[in-house]
Amino acid sequence: MIIKILGGGCANCDKLEANAREAVEAMGKEATFEKVKDFGAIMGYGVMKTPALVIDEEVKVSGRVASVDDIKKFL
């Protein structure tokens, strides 16, 4: 699975990535992580607020930092 963190690289983006990595590890899954900082690409997902979490090209959450438990539900 491919997990993308959309955002300019702020502290919330880093926290969202950390939560996603923790959720993936806790569930024993494997994932490739990518950071998308280009705002043109971010807007291509229809995201207007960052940070955003994209799993296999589907936006799961935007404008907030999802908790580890929330992310586990998306996986």
N, C-alpha and C. Protein backbone atom coordinates (compact mmCIF):
# COMPACT_ATOMS: atom_id res chain seq x y z
N MET A 1 0.84 -1.17 0.00
CA MET A 1 0.00 0.00 0.00
C MET A 1 0.88 1.23 0.00
N ILE A 2 0.36 2.29 -0.58
CA ILE A 2 1.09 3.55 -0.64
C ILE A 2 0.34 4.59 0.20
N ILE A 3 1.04 5.16 1.14
CA ILE A 3 0.47 6.18 2.01
C ILE A 3 1.17 7.50 1.71
N LYS A 4 0.37 8.51 1.44
CA LYS A 4 0.91 9.84 1.15
C LYS A 4 0.46 10.82 2.21
N ILE A 5 1.41 11.64 2.64
CA ILE A 5 1.12 12.73 3.57
C ILE A 5 1.18 14.01 2.74
N LEU A 6 0.05 14.69 2.64
CA LEU A 6 0.00 15.92 1.87
C LEU A 6 0.14 17.12 2.79
N GLY A 7 1.07 18.01 2.47
CA GLY A 7 1.25 19.21 3.27
C GLY A 7 2.61 19.83 3.04
N GLY A 8 2.76 21.02 3.54
CA GLY A 8 3.98 21.78 3.32
C GLY A 8 5.17 21.40 4.18
N GLY A 9 5.00 20.44 5.07
CA GLY A 9 6.10 20.02 5.93
C GLY A 9 6.02 20.58 7.34
N CYS A 10 4.83 20.96 7.76
CA CYS A 10 4.63 21.54 9.09
C CYS A 10 4.68 20.47 10.18
N ALA A 11 4.61 20.89 11.42
CA ALA A 11 4.64 19.96 12.55
C ALA A 11 3.44 19.00 12.50
N ASN A 12 2.28 19.49 12.07
CA ASN A 12 1.11 18.62 11.98
C ASN A 12 1.30 17.55 10.91
N CYS A 13 1.99 17.89 9.82
CA CYS A 13 2.28 16.91 8.78
C CYS A 13 3.19 15.81 9.35
N ASP A 14 4.19 16.21 10.10
CA ASP A 14 5.10 15.25 10.71
C ASP A 14 4.37 14.35 11.70
N LYS A 15 3.46 14.91 12.47
CA LYS A 15 2.70 14.13 13.45
C LYS A 15 1.78 13.14 12.74
N LEU A 16 1.14 13.58 11.66
CA LEU A 16 0.27 12.67 10.89
C LEU A 16 1.08 11.51 10.33
N GLU A 17 2.27 11.80 9.81
CA GLU A 17 3.11 10.73 9.29
C GLU A 17 3.52 9.76 10.41
N ALA A 18 3.89 10.29 11.56
CA ALA A 18 4.28 9.44 12.69
C ALA A 18 3.12 8.55 13.11
N ASN A 19 1.91 9.11 13.17
CA ASN A 19 0.73 8.32 13.54
C ASN A 19 0.46 7.23 12.51
N ALA A 20 0.61 7.56 11.23
CA ALA A 20 0.37 6.58 10.17
C ALA A 20 1.40 5.45 10.25
N ARG A 21 2.65 5.80 10.48
CA ARG A 21 3.69 4.77 10.59
C ARG A 21 3.41 3.86 11.79
N GLU A 22 2.98 4.45 12.90
CA GLU A 22 2.68 3.66 14.10
C GLU A 22 1.50 2.72 13.84
N ALA A 23 0.48 3.20 13.15
CA ALA A 23 -0.69 2.37 12.84
C ALA A 23 -0.32 1.21 11.93
N VAL A 24 0.48 1.48 10.91
CA VAL A 24 0.91 0.43 9.98
C VAL A 24 1.71 -0.63 10.72
N GLU A 25 2.63 -0.19 11.56
CA GLU A 25 3.46 -1.13 12.31
C GLU A 25 2.63 -1.96 13.28
N ALA A 26 1.69 -1.31 13.97
CA ALA A 26 0.86 -2.01 14.96
C ALA A 26 0.00 -3.09 14.30
N MET A 27 -0.38 -2.86 13.05
CA MET A 27 -1.22 -3.83 12.36
C MET A 27 -0.41 -4.86 11.58
N GLY A 28 0.92 -4.72 11.62
CA GLY A 28 1.77 -5.69 10.94
C GLY A 28 1.69 -5.61 9.42
N LYS A 29 1.37 -4.44 8.90
CA LYS A 29 1.26 -4.26 7.45
C LYS A 29 2.52 -3.61 6.92
N GLU A 30 2.65 -3.63 5.60
CA GLU A 30 3.77 -2.96 4.96
C GLU A 30 3.22 -1.83 4.10
N ALA A 31 3.93 -0.72 4.10
CA ALA A 31 3.50 0.44 3.32
C ALA A 31 4.70 1.25 2.88
N THR A 32 4.53 1.93 1.76
CA THR A 32 5.50 2.89 1.28
C THR A 32 4.95 4.26 1.61
N PHE A 33 5.78 5.11 2.17
CA PHE A 33 5.35 6.45 2.56
C PHE A 33 5.94 7.49 1.62
N GLU A 34 5.12 8.45 1.24
CA GLU A 34 5.56 9.55 0.40
C GLU A 34 5.05 10.85 0.99
N LYS A 35 5.88 11.89 0.90
CA LYS A 35 5.44 13.23 1.30
C LYS A 35 5.18 14.03 0.03
N VAL A 36 4.03 14.66 -0.03
CA VAL A 36 3.67 15.49 -1.18
C VAL A 36 3.58 16.93 -0.69
N LYS A 37 4.53 17.75 -1.15
CA LYS A 37 4.59 19.14 -0.70
C LYS A 37 4.17 20.12 -1.79
N ASP A 38 4.07 19.65 -3.02
CA ASP A 38 3.69 20.50 -4.14
C ASP A 38 2.19 20.82 -4.07
N PHE A 39 1.88 22.11 -3.93
CA PHE A 39 0.47 22.48 -3.71
C PHE A 39 -0.40 22.21 -4.93
N GLY A 40 0.19 22.20 -6.12
CA GLY A 40 -0.58 21.82 -7.30
C GLY A 40 -1.01 20.37 -7.23
N ALA A 41 -0.08 19.51 -6.81
CA ALA A 41 -0.40 18.09 -6.65
C ALA A 41 -1.41 17.88 -5.53
N ILE A 42 -1.26 18.63 -4.44
CA ILE A 42 -2.20 18.52 -3.31
C ILE A 42 -3.60 18.90 -3.76
N MET A 43 -3.70 19.99 -4.51
CA MET A 43 -5.01 20.42 -4.98
C MET A 43 -5.60 19.43 -5.98
N GLY A 44 -4.73 18.67 -6.65
CA GLY A 44 -5.20 17.62 -7.56
C GLY A 44 -6.00 16.54 -6.85
N TYR A 45 -5.78 16.40 -5.56
CA TYR A 45 -6.55 15.45 -4.75
C TYR A 45 -7.84 16.09 -4.24
N GLY A 46 -8.04 17.37 -4.52
CA GLY A 46 -9.21 18.07 -4.02
C GLY A 46 -9.07 18.52 -2.58
N VAL A 47 -7.86 18.50 -2.07
CA VAL A 47 -7.58 18.86 -0.69
C VAL A 47 -7.35 20.36 -0.60
N MET A 48 -8.11 21.02 0.27
CA MET A 48 -7.96 22.45 0.46
C MET A 48 -7.29 22.78 1.80
N LYS A 49 -7.31 21.83 2.73
CA LYS A 49 -6.68 22.03 4.04
C LYS A 49 -5.72 20.87 4.29
N THR A 50 -4.53 21.23 4.76
CA THR A 50 -3.55 20.21 5.10
C THR A 50 -3.36 20.19 6.60
N PRO A 51 -2.84 19.14 7.18
CA PRO A 51 -2.32 17.96 6.50
C PRO A 51 -3.45 17.05 6.01
N ALA A 52 -3.11 16.19 5.07
CA ALA A 52 -4.07 15.23 4.57
C ALA A 52 -3.39 13.87 4.45
N LEU A 53 -4.20 12.83 4.58
CA LEU A 53 -3.72 11.46 4.51
C LEU A 53 -4.38 10.79 3.31
N VAL A 54 -3.55 10.25 2.43
CA VAL A 54 -4.04 9.54 1.25
C VAL A 54 -3.52 8.11 1.32
N ILE A 55 -4.44 7.15 1.22
CA ILE A 55 -4.06 5.74 1.23
C ILE A 55 -4.51 5.14 -0.09
N ASP A 56 -3.55 4.61 -0.85
CA ASP A 56 -3.82 4.04 -2.16
C ASP A 56 -4.69 4.95 -3.01
N GLU A 57 -4.26 6.21 -3.09
CA GLU A 57 -4.87 7.26 -3.92
C GLU A 57 -6.28 7.68 -3.49
N GLU A 58 -6.69 7.34 -2.27
CA GLU A 58 -7.98 7.76 -1.73
C GLU A 58 -7.74 8.65 -0.51
N VAL A 59 -8.26 9.88 -0.57
CA VAL A 59 -8.12 10.80 0.55
C VAL A 59 -8.96 10.28 1.72
N LYS A 60 -8.31 10.05 2.84
CA LYS A 60 -9.01 9.53 4.02
C LYS A 60 -9.35 10.63 5.02
N VAL A 61 -8.48 11.64 5.13
CA VAL A 61 -8.72 12.73 6.07
C VAL A 61 -7.92 13.95 5.61
N SER A 62 -8.50 15.13 5.82
CA SER A 62 -7.75 16.35 5.51
C SER A 62 -8.11 17.42 6.53
N GLY A 63 -7.15 18.32 6.75
CA GLY A 63 -7.37 19.44 7.65
C GLY A 63 -7.20 19.13 9.12
N ARG A 64 -6.75 17.91 9.44
CA ARG A 64 -6.53 17.55 10.84
C ARG A 64 -5.54 16.40 10.93
N VAL A 65 -5.03 16.18 12.11
CA VAL A 65 -4.13 15.06 12.36
C VAL A 65 -4.96 13.89 12.87
N ALA A 66 -5.07 12.86 12.05
CA ALA A 66 -5.82 11.67 12.43
C ALA A 66 -5.05 10.91 13.51
N SER A 67 -5.77 10.34 14.45
CA SER A 67 -5.14 9.56 15.52
C SER A 67 -4.71 8.20 14.97
N VAL A 68 -3.87 7.53 15.73
CA VAL A 68 -3.42 6.18 15.35
C VAL A 68 -4.63 5.27 15.20
N ASP A 69 -5.58 5.34 16.12
CA ASP A 69 -6.77 4.49 16.05
C ASP A 69 -7.61 4.79 14.82
N ASP A 70 -7.74 6.07 14.48
CA ASP A 70 -8.48 6.43 13.25
C ASP A 70 -7.81 5.81 12.02
N ILE A 71 -6.51 5.93 11.97
CA ILE A 71 -5.77 5.43 10.81
C ILE A 71 -5.87 3.90 10.72
N LYS A 72 -5.85 3.22 11.84
CA LYS A 72 -6.02 1.76 11.83
C LYS A 72 -7.34 1.39 11.16
N LYS A 73 -8.39 2.16 11.38
CA LYS A 73 -9.68 1.88 10.76
C LYS A 73 -9.61 2.04 9.25
N PHE A 74 -8.80 2.98 8.77
CA PHE A 74 -8.66 3.20 7.33
C PHE A 74 -7.88 2.08 6.65
N LEU A 75 -6.99 1.45 7.41
CA LEU A 75 -6.14 0.41 6.84
C LEU A 75 -6.92 -0.88 6.66
